[in-house]
Structure formats: C-alpha cells, structure tokens
C-alpha atoms as a PDB file:
ATOM      1  CA  MET A   1      72.639  28.884-115.302  1.00  0.00           C
ATOM      2  CA  MET A   2      73.606  28.577-111.657  1.00  0.00           C
ATOM      3  CA  ALA A   3      71.086  28.540-108.854  1.00  0.00           C
ATOM      4  CA  SER A   4      71.992  29.113-105.250  1.00  0.00           C
ATOM      5  CA  PRO A   5      73.562  26.273-103.240  1.00  0.00           C
ATOM      6  CA  CYS A   6      70.329  24.958-101.694  1.00  0.00           C
ATOM      7  CA  LEU A   7      68.545  24.777-105.041  1.00  0.00           C
ATOM      8  CA  ASP A   8      69.024  22.032-107.584  1.00  0.00           C
ATOM      9  CA  ASP A   9      70.256  23.619-110.826  1.00  0.00           C
ATOM     10  CA  HIS A  10      68.214  21.323-113.064  1.00  0.00           C
ATOM     11  CA  ARG A  11      64.957  21.873-111.174  1.00  0.00           C
ATOM     12  CA  PHE A  12      65.572  25.604-111.032  1.00  0.00           C
ATOM     13  CA  SER A  13      66.144  25.694-114.799  1.00  0.00           C
ATOM     14  CA  GLU A  14      62.880  23.814-115.297  1.00  0.00           C
ATOM     15  CA  LEU A  15      61.033  26.340-113.124  1.00  0.00           C
ATOM     16  CA  VAL A  16      62.464  29.365-114.942  1.00  0.00           C
ATOM     17  CA  GLU A  17      61.805  27.910-118.405  1.00  0.00           C
ATOM     18  CA  ALA A  18      58.228  27.048-117.456  1.00  0.00           C
ATOM     19  CA  LEU A  19      57.563  30.570-116.117  1.00  0.00           C
ATOM     20  CA  VAL A  20      58.914  32.104-119.328  1.00  0.00           C
ATOM     21  CA  GLU A  21      57.079  29.738-121.672  1.00  0.00           C
ATOM     22  CA  GLN A  22      53.721  29.312-119.931  1.00  0.00           C
ATOM     23  CA  GLY A  23      53.585  31.416-116.772  1.00  0.00           C
ATOM     24  CA  TRP A  24      53.400  28.480-114.345  1.00  0.00           C
ATOM     25  CA  TYR A  25      55.416  25.576-112.973  1.00  0.00           C
ATOM     26  CA  VAL A  26      54.586  22.464-110.961  1.00  0.00           C
ATOM     27  CA  GLY A  27      57.339  20.163-109.711  1.00  0.00           C
ATOM     28  CA  GLU A  28      57.099  17.034-107.588  1.00  0.00           C
ATOM     29  CA  ASN A  29      59.730  16.451-104.870  1.00  0.00           C
ATOM     30  CA  PHE A  30      60.905  20.048-105.259  1.00  0.00           C
ATOM     31  CA  ILE A  31      61.007  20.731-101.490  1.00  0.00           C
ATOM     32  CA  ALA A  32      62.876  18.282 -99.235  1.00  0.00           C
ATOM     33  CA  TRP A  33      60.663  15.641 -97.642  1.00  0.00           C
ATOM     34  CA  ASP A  34      62.047  16.127 -94.129  1.00  0.00           C
ATOM     35  CA  LEU A  35      61.345  19.862 -94.276  1.00  0.00           C
ATOM     36  CA  CYS A  36      57.756  19.218 -95.409  1.00  0.00           C
ATOM     37  CA  ARG A  37      57.364  16.726 -92.544  1.00  0.00           C
ATOM     38  CA  ASP A  38      58.579  19.239 -89.957  1.00  0.00           C
ATOM     39  CA  LEU A  39      56.396  22.016 -91.335  1.00  0.00           C
ATOM     40  CA  ASN A  40      53.361  19.731 -91.364  1.00  0.00           C
ATOM     41  CA  ARG A  41      53.988  18.800 -87.724  1.00  0.00           C
ATOM     42  CA  GLU A  42      54.190  22.468 -86.802  1.00  0.00           C
ATOM     43  CA  LEU A  43      50.942  23.225 -88.591  1.00  0.00           C
ATOM     44  CA  SER A  44      49.241  20.317 -86.806  1.00  0.00           C
ATOM     45  CA  ILE A  45      50.365  21.689 -83.433  1.00  0.00           C
ATOM     46  CA  LEU A  46      49.051  25.150 -84.330  1.00  0.00           C
ATOM     47  CA  ALA A  47      45.703  23.623 -85.287  1.00  0.00           C
ATOM     48  CA  ASP A  48      45.552  21.588 -82.073  1.00  0.00           C
ATOM     49  CA  HIS A  49      46.133  24.757 -80.047  1.00  0.00           C
ATOM     50  CA  ASP A  50      43.551  26.825 -81.952  1.00  0.00           C
ATOM     51  CA  ALA A  51      46.349  29.100 -83.175  1.00  0.00           C
ATOM     52  CA  LEU A  52      45.019  29.390 -86.732  1.00  0.00           C
ATOM     53  CA  GLU A  53      42.735  32.172 -87.917  1.00  0.00           C
ATOM     54  CA  ALA A  54      40.034  32.096 -90.560  1.00  0.00           C
ATOM     55  CA  ALA A  55      41.358  33.329 -93.896  1.00  0.00           C
ATOM     56  CA  GLY A  56      39.642  36.233 -95.604  1.00  0.00           C
ATOM     57  CA  ILE A  57      39.428  37.738 -99.052  1.00  0.00           C
ATOM     58  CA  GLY A  58      40.415  41.255-100.065  1.00  0.00           C
ATOM     59  CA  ARG A  59      42.855  43.676 -98.454  1.00  0.00           C
ATOM     60  CA  GLY A  60      42.496  46.592 -96.075  1.00  0.00           C
ATOM     61  CA  ARG A  61      38.947  47.923 -95.885  1.00  0.00           C
ATOM     62  CA  GLU A  62      37.845  45.338 -98.450  1.00  0.00           C
ATOM     63  CA  HIS A  63      38.910  42.424 -96.262  1.00  0.00           C
ATOM     64  CA  GLU A  64      36.093  40.102 -95.232  1.00  0.00           C
ATOM     65  CA  HIS A  65      35.438  36.516 -94.243  1.00  0.00           C
ATOM     66  CA  ARG A  66      33.423  34.589 -96.808  1.00  0.00           C
ATOM     67  CA  ARG A  67      33.237  30.893 -95.993  1.00  0.00           C
ATOM     68  CA  ASP A  68      31.208  30.384 -99.167  1.00  0.00           C
ATOM     69  CA  ILE A  69      34.299  31.457-101.129  1.00  0.00           C
ATOM     70  CA  ARG A  70      37.274  30.479 -98.984  1.00  0.00           C
ATOM     71  CA  GLY A  71      37.365  27.956 -96.136  1.00  0.00           C
ATOM     72  CA  ASP A  72      40.992  27.613 -95.036  1.00  0.00           C
ATOM     73  CA  THR A  73      42.585  28.716 -91.764  1.00  0.00           C
ATOM     74  CA  ILE A  74      46.030  30.317 -91.757  1.00  0.00           C
ATOM     75  CA  HIS A  75      49.084  31.357 -89.742  1.00  0.00           C
ATOM     76  CA  TRP A  76      51.668  33.745 -91.193  1.00  0.00           C
ATOM     77  CA  LEU A  77      55.277  32.551 -91.207  1.00  0.00           C
ATOM     78  CA  ASP A  78      57.591  34.699 -89.096  1.00  0.00           C
ATOM     79  CA  ARG A  79      60.741  32.584 -88.614  1.00  0.00           C
ATOM     80  CA  GLU A  80      59.574  31.513 -85.154  1.00  0.00           C
ATOM     81  CA  SER A  81      60.758  27.923 -85.722  1.00  0.00           C
ATOM     82  CA  GLU A  82      63.732  26.206 -87.338  1.00  0.00           C
ATOM     83  CA  ALA A  83      61.482  24.678 -90.000  1.00  0.00           C
ATOM     84  CA  GLN A  84      60.055  28.089 -90.905  1.00  0.00           C
ATOM     85  CA  ARG A  85      63.541  29.570 -91.119  1.00  0.00           C
ATOM     86  CA  ARG A  86      64.702  26.749 -93.388  1.00  0.00           C
ATOM     87  CA  TYR A  87      61.759  27.171 -95.710  1.00  0.00           C
ATOM     88  CA  LEU A  88      62.008  30.957 -95.860  1.00  0.00           C
ATOM     89  CA  ASP A  89      65.750  30.708 -96.497  1.00  0.00           C
ATOM     90  CA  VAL A  90      65.085  28.445 -99.478  1.00  0.00           C
ATOM     91  CA  MET A  91      62.510  30.916-100.783  1.00  0.00           C
ATOM     92  CA  GLY A  92      65.014  33.737-100.307  1.00  0.00           C
ATOM     93  CA  GLU A  93      67.537  31.849-102.406  1.00  0.00           C
ATOM     94  CA  LEU A  94      64.892  31.216-105.044  1.00  0.00           C
ATOM     95  CA  GLN A  95      64.014  34.922-105.057  1.00  0.00           C
ATOM     96  CA  GLN A  96      67.638  35.914-105.639  1.00  0.00           C
ATOM     97  CA  ALA A  97      68.092  33.329-108.365  1.00  0.00           C
ATOM     98  CA  ILE A  98      64.916  34.407-110.206  1.00  0.00           C
ATOM     99  CA  ASN A  99      65.942  38.061-109.986  1.00  0.00           C
ATOM    100  CA  ARG A 100      69.363  37.248-111.453  1.00  0.00           C
ATOM    101  CA  THR A 101      67.789  35.322-114.303  1.00  0.00           C
ATOM    102  CA  LEU A 102      64.470  37.012-115.102  1.00  0.00           C
ATOM    103  CA  PHE A 103      65.089  40.525-113.681  1.00  0.00           C
ATOM    104  CA  LEU A 104      61.644  40.654-112.062  1.00  0.00           C
ATOM    105  CA  GLY A 105      62.683  42.979-109.254  1.00  0.00           C
ATOM    106  CA  LEU A 106      61.263  40.734-106.561  1.00  0.00           C
ATOM    107  CA  PHE A 107      61.593  42.623-103.284  1.00  0.00           C
ATOM    108  CA  GLU A 108      60.416  40.261-100.572  1.00  0.00           C
ATOM    109  CA  TYR A 109      58.469  37.107 -99.825  1.00  0.00           C
ATOM    110  CA  GLU A 110      55.439  36.621 -97.589  1.00  0.00           C
ATOM    111  CA  ALA A 111      53.849  33.278 -96.763  1.00  0.00           C
ATOM    112  CA  HIS A 112      51.414  31.556 -94.465  1.00  0.00           C
ATOM    113  CA  PHE A 113      50.434  28.052 -93.459  1.00  0.00           C
ATOM    114  CA  ALA A 114      47.082  27.076 -94.942  1.00  0.00           C
ATOM    115  CA  ARG A 115      44.969  24.287 -93.488  1.00  0.00           C
ATOM    116  CA  TYR A 116      41.795  23.103 -95.196  1.00  0.00           C
ATOM    117  CA  ALA A 117      39.514  20.982 -93.011  1.00  0.00           C
ATOM    118  CA  ALA A 118      37.486  18.271 -94.701  1.00  0.00           C
ATOM    119  CA  GLY A 119      34.938  19.912 -96.978  1.00  0.00           C
ATOM    120  CA  ALA A 120      36.819  23.227 -97.303  1.00  0.00           C
ATOM    121  CA  PHE A 121      37.613  24.834-100.659  1.00  0.00           C
ATOM    122  CA  TYR A 122      38.663  28.102-102.279  1.00  0.00           C
ATOM    123  CA  LYS A 123      36.721  29.236-105.327  1.00  0.00           C
ATOM    124  CA  ARG A 124      38.398  30.463-108.504  1.00  0.00           C
ATOM    125  CA  HIS A 125      40.343  33.692-108.047  1.00  0.00           C
ATOM    126  CA  LEU A 126      43.458  35.679-108.915  1.00  0.00           C
ATOM    127  CA  ASP A 127      46.122  36.461-106.314  1.00  0.00           C
ATOM    128  CA  SER A 128      46.684  39.960-107.704  1.00  0.00           C
ATOM    129  CA  PHE A 129      44.955  42.346-110.089  1.00  0.00           C
ATOM    130  CA  ARG A 130      46.397  44.105-113.109  1.00  0.00           C
ATOM    131  CA  GLY A 131      47.352  47.707-112.388  1.00  0.00           C
ATOM    132  CA  ARG A 132      47.381  47.120-108.615  1.00  0.00           C
ATOM    133  CA  ALA A 133      49.920  44.346-108.491  1.00  0.00           C
ATOM    134  CA  ASN A 134      52.765  44.031-106.094  1.00  0.00           C
ATOM    135  CA  ARG A 135      52.351  40.266-105.813  1.00  0.00           C
ATOM    136  CA  VAL A 136      54.282  39.007-108.822  1.00  0.00           C
ATOM    137  CA  LEU A 137      54.754  35.266-108.319  1.00  0.00           C
ATOM    138  CA  SER A 138      52.565  32.963-106.231  1.00  0.00           C
ATOM    139  CA  THR A 139      53.909  29.770-104.674  1.00  0.00           C
ATOM    140  CA  VAL A 140      52.339  26.758-103.018  1.00  0.00           C
ATOM    141  CA  CYS A 141      54.255  24.068-101.145  1.00  0.00           C
ATOM    142  CA  TYR A 142      52.277  20.963-100.161  1.00  0.00           C
ATOM    143  CA  LEU A 143      52.919  19.200 -96.848  1.00  0.00           C
ATOM    144  CA  ASN A 144      50.692  16.067 -96.665  1.00  0.00           C
ATOM    145  CA  ALA A 145      52.536  12.788 -97.197  1.00  0.00           C
ATOM    146  CA  ASP A 146      50.825   9.908 -99.028  1.00  0.00           C
ATOM    147  CA  TRP A 147      47.863  11.913-100.255  1.00  0.00           C
ATOM    148  CA  PRO A 148      45.239   9.433-101.550  1.00  0.00           C
ATOM    149  CA  ALA A 149      43.978   9.563-105.119  1.00  0.00           C
ATOM    150  CA  ASP A 150      40.439  10.186-103.849  1.00  0.00           C
ATOM    151  CA  GLY A 151      41.470  12.796-101.262  1.00  0.00           C
ATOM    152  CA  GLY A 152      40.310  15.798-103.302  1.00  0.00           C
ATOM    153  CA  GLY A 153      41.815  19.188-102.500  1.00  0.00           C
ATOM    154  CA  GLU A 154      43.580  19.617-105.849  1.00  0.00           C
ATOM    155  CA  MET A 155      44.573  23.081-106.996  1.00  0.00           C
ATOM    156  CA  VAL A 156      43.353  23.749-110.534  1.00  0.00           C
ATOM    157  CA  LEU A 157      45.098  26.290-112.771  1.00  0.00           C
ATOM    158  CA  PHE A 158      42.977  27.737-115.587  1.00  0.00           C
ATOM    159  CA  ASP A 159      43.890  29.211-118.957  1.00  0.00           C
ATOM    160  CA  PRO A 160      43.352  32.985-118.688  1.00  0.00           C
ATOM    161  CA  GLU A 161      42.412  33.109-122.377  1.00  0.00           C
ATOM    162  CA  SER A 162      39.963  30.204-122.145  1.00  0.00           C
ATOM    163  CA  PRO A 163      38.325  30.153-118.696  1.00  0.00           C
ATOM    164  CA  ASP A 164      36.890  26.642-119.039  1.00  0.00           C
ATOM    165  CA  THR A 165      40.252  25.117-119.976  1.00  0.00           C
ATOM    166  CA  GLU A 166      42.321  23.539-117.211  1.00  0.00           C
ATOM    167  CA  LEU A 167      46.073  23.968-117.510  1.00  0.00           C
ATOM    168  CA  ALA A 168      46.943  21.753-114.556  1.00  0.00           C
ATOM    169  CA  ARG A 169      45.340  19.916-111.662  1.00  0.00           C
ATOM    170  CA  VAL A 170      47.857  19.705-108.811  1.00  0.00           C
ATOM    171  CA  ARG A 171      47.600  16.892-106.288  1.00  0.00           C
ATOM    172  CA  PRO A 172      48.496  18.185-102.791  1.00  0.00           C
ATOM    173  CA  GLU A 173      51.323  15.731-102.117  1.00  0.00           C
ATOM    174  CA  ALA A 174      54.234  16.593 -99.803  1.00  0.00           C
ATOM    175  CA  GLY A 175      57.193  18.080-101.646  1.00  0.00           C
ATOM    176  CA  THR A 176      55.219  19.263-104.664  1.00  0.00           C
ATOM    177  CA  PHE A 177      55.847  22.938-105.375  1.00  0.00           C
ATOM    178  CA  ALA A 178      53.798  25.208-107.633  1.00  0.00           C
ATOM    179  CA  CYS A 179      54.833  28.657-108.843  1.00  0.00           C
ATOM    180  CA  PHE A 180      52.821  30.899-111.183  1.00  0.00           C
ATOM    181  CA  LEU A 181      52.201  34.501-112.231  1.00  0.00           C
ATOM    182  CA  SER A 182      49.981  36.090-109.597  1.00  0.00           C
ATOM    183  CA  GLU A 183      47.991  38.480-111.766  1.00  0.00           C
ATOM    184  CA  THR A 184      47.585  36.145-114.746  1.00  0.00           C
ATOM    185  CA  LEU A 185      46.616  32.640-113.647  1.00  0.00           C
ATOM    186  CA  PRO A 186      43.098  32.031-112.273  1.00  0.00           C
ATOM    187  CA  HIS A 187      43.064  29.068-109.907  1.00  0.00           C
ATOM    188  CA  GLU A 188      40.933  27.326-107.318  1.00  0.00           C
ATOM    189  CA  VAL A 189      41.196  24.693-104.587  1.00  0.00           C
ATOM    190  CA  LEU A 190      38.690  21.889-104.975  1.00  0.00           C
ATOM    191  CA  PRO A 191      36.832  20.601-101.894  1.00  0.00           C
ATOM    192  CA  THR A 192      39.074  18.370 -99.835  1.00  0.00           C
ATOM    193  CA  ARG A 193      37.933  15.126 -98.251  1.00  0.00           C
ATOM    194  CA  ARG A 194      40.555  15.172 -95.494  1.00  0.00           C
ATOM    195  CA  PRO A 195      42.663  17.814 -93.708  1.00  0.00           C
ATOM    196  CA  ARG A 196      44.958  19.431 -96.276  1.00  0.00           C
ATOM    197  CA  ALA A 197      48.183  21.255 -95.361  1.00  0.00           C
ATOM    198  CA  SER A 198      50.235  23.672 -97.433  1.00  0.00           C
ATOM    199  CA  ILE A 199      52.211  26.902 -97.421  1.00  0.00           C
ATOM    200  CA  ALA A 200      50.943  29.654 -99.701  1.00  0.00           C
ATOM    201  CA  GLY A 201      53.377  32.419-100.520  1.00  0.00           C
ATOM    202  CA  TRP A 202      53.998  35.420-102.753  1.00  0.00           C
ATOM    203  CA  PHE A 203      57.085  37.096-104.119  1.00  0.00           C
ATOM    204  CA  ARG A 204      56.354  40.834-104.150  1.00  0.00           C
ATOM    205  CA  ARG A 205      57.655  44.000-105.707  1.00  0.00           C
ATOM    206  CA  ASN A 206      58.083  46.984-103.410  1.00  0.00           C
ATOM    207  CA  ALA A 207      54.933  49.114-103.690  1.00  0.00           C
ATOM    208  CA  SER A 208      55.360  50.894-100.359  1.00  0.00           C
ATOM    209  CA  LEU A 209      54.954  54.660-100.277  1.00  0.00           C
ATOM    210  CA  GLY A 210      55.621  57.185 -97.529  1.00  0.00           C
ATOM    211  CA  GLY A 211      56.808  54.527 -95.136  1.00  0.00           C
ATOM    212  CA  LEU A 212      53.538  52.592 -95.391  1.00  0.00           C
ATOM    213  CA  VAL A 213      53.926  48.904 -96.184  1.00  0.00           C
ATOM    214  CA  ASP A 214      51.855  47.718 -99.161  1.00  0.00           C
ATOM    215  CA  PRO A 215      50.180  45.433 -98.638  1.00  0.00           C
ATOM    216  CA  ALA A 216      49.859  45.243 -94.869  1.00  0.00           C
ATOM    217  CA  HIS A 217      48.613  41.876 -93.619  1.00  0.00           C
END
C-alpha cells in the first residue's frame, strides 16, 4: 500500500487498518512538530487579536451558542498562511490516499482552529447523524507542546454499543492526530486546566444540491 509522498507509508497503513477494524485511530507524532509549532503560533496571534469566534452547535437554523455544552472559540482554515496551506495539503493527500484504499468517496475537507480557554469543555456528541451525514471522517490535530499530565483537556472516545465504555482518552499533545467515523463515535472534550489548541476537521461527501453547498458554515 502506497501513501502519497508527504505521508509515511507505515503510519498511513496503521490509520487505515484501525479505521477498518475499529472505526478510529490515534497516532502520536503523526503531524510534523514544526508544522504544529507554526500553527499554534498562528492560533495564538488570532486569539491575541480577538479574531476567534465562539463555536456553536447545530447547523443552519438549528445553530446556537451553548456555553454549557461547548466552550471553544474557532477560526476556519482558508489557506491564508503558509502553515495552513501545508496542513491542508497534507489532509488533501490523506483524503486521496483513503479514497484509493477504502473507496469512501471523500469529496472535500473542512477544518478550523479550536482554542479552549482554561475551564472550557465540549460535552459528549456526534459530529454527524445517521441518514443526514455528509461528514464521514472526523480529524483532530493537537498543537500544544509539552502538555502536562495534569493539564486536562483530553478527548474521550466512547463505545457506541456501550455508552459508559471508553475506547480511548487522547492527551492533547502536539503532533498527535486522531481520526474516526463521524456518525458512529460519540466523543467529548474534558475540561482543560490551561489553554488548549487544536485543529478539528472533517472529510465530507458531496451532499450539495441545486448549487447549494451542504453544509454551509
């Protein structure tokens, strides 16, 4: 199995096998450290300039801000910096490689910076719902270097067949990359004790009709 030039073949094989066998993958040092550093710097600058917006839940008319459910602030990636372009190029290569291997028909990728201030969290949820799905695979790339053991902010993946069973608890350490089925895996972000930086993203199928983009964000 050959991945694209910017992806390590062994790590890519691990990711694909994990998605097939269990529907999720977590890999440390999956994204280059220098790229995580540059992205984290960019996110810090955005935060310093009040260029982040409060994240909401729901889409379209159902969109609302619920700080009791979700407390992060976000900024959508749009290739406006070299670091963003590098990251999105890597995700584009991953998309092509997954399509060649798993035939998922992934059409495009959307992503945003996510910053959790101390005390913020995101309660258990799904990224997509059965029968309405165009988000197929969810991804999270963590950007904080040297995350302390008592820093909190872990992402917890739950067994969809046994809601009280944890499948994984992911420490938000720079370079760690998580990928999982969007409409299958419930997950949450535990309260963080310090500012937490990541990029959340979704590989999507094309569900647009009549020239209207679905979903609009």
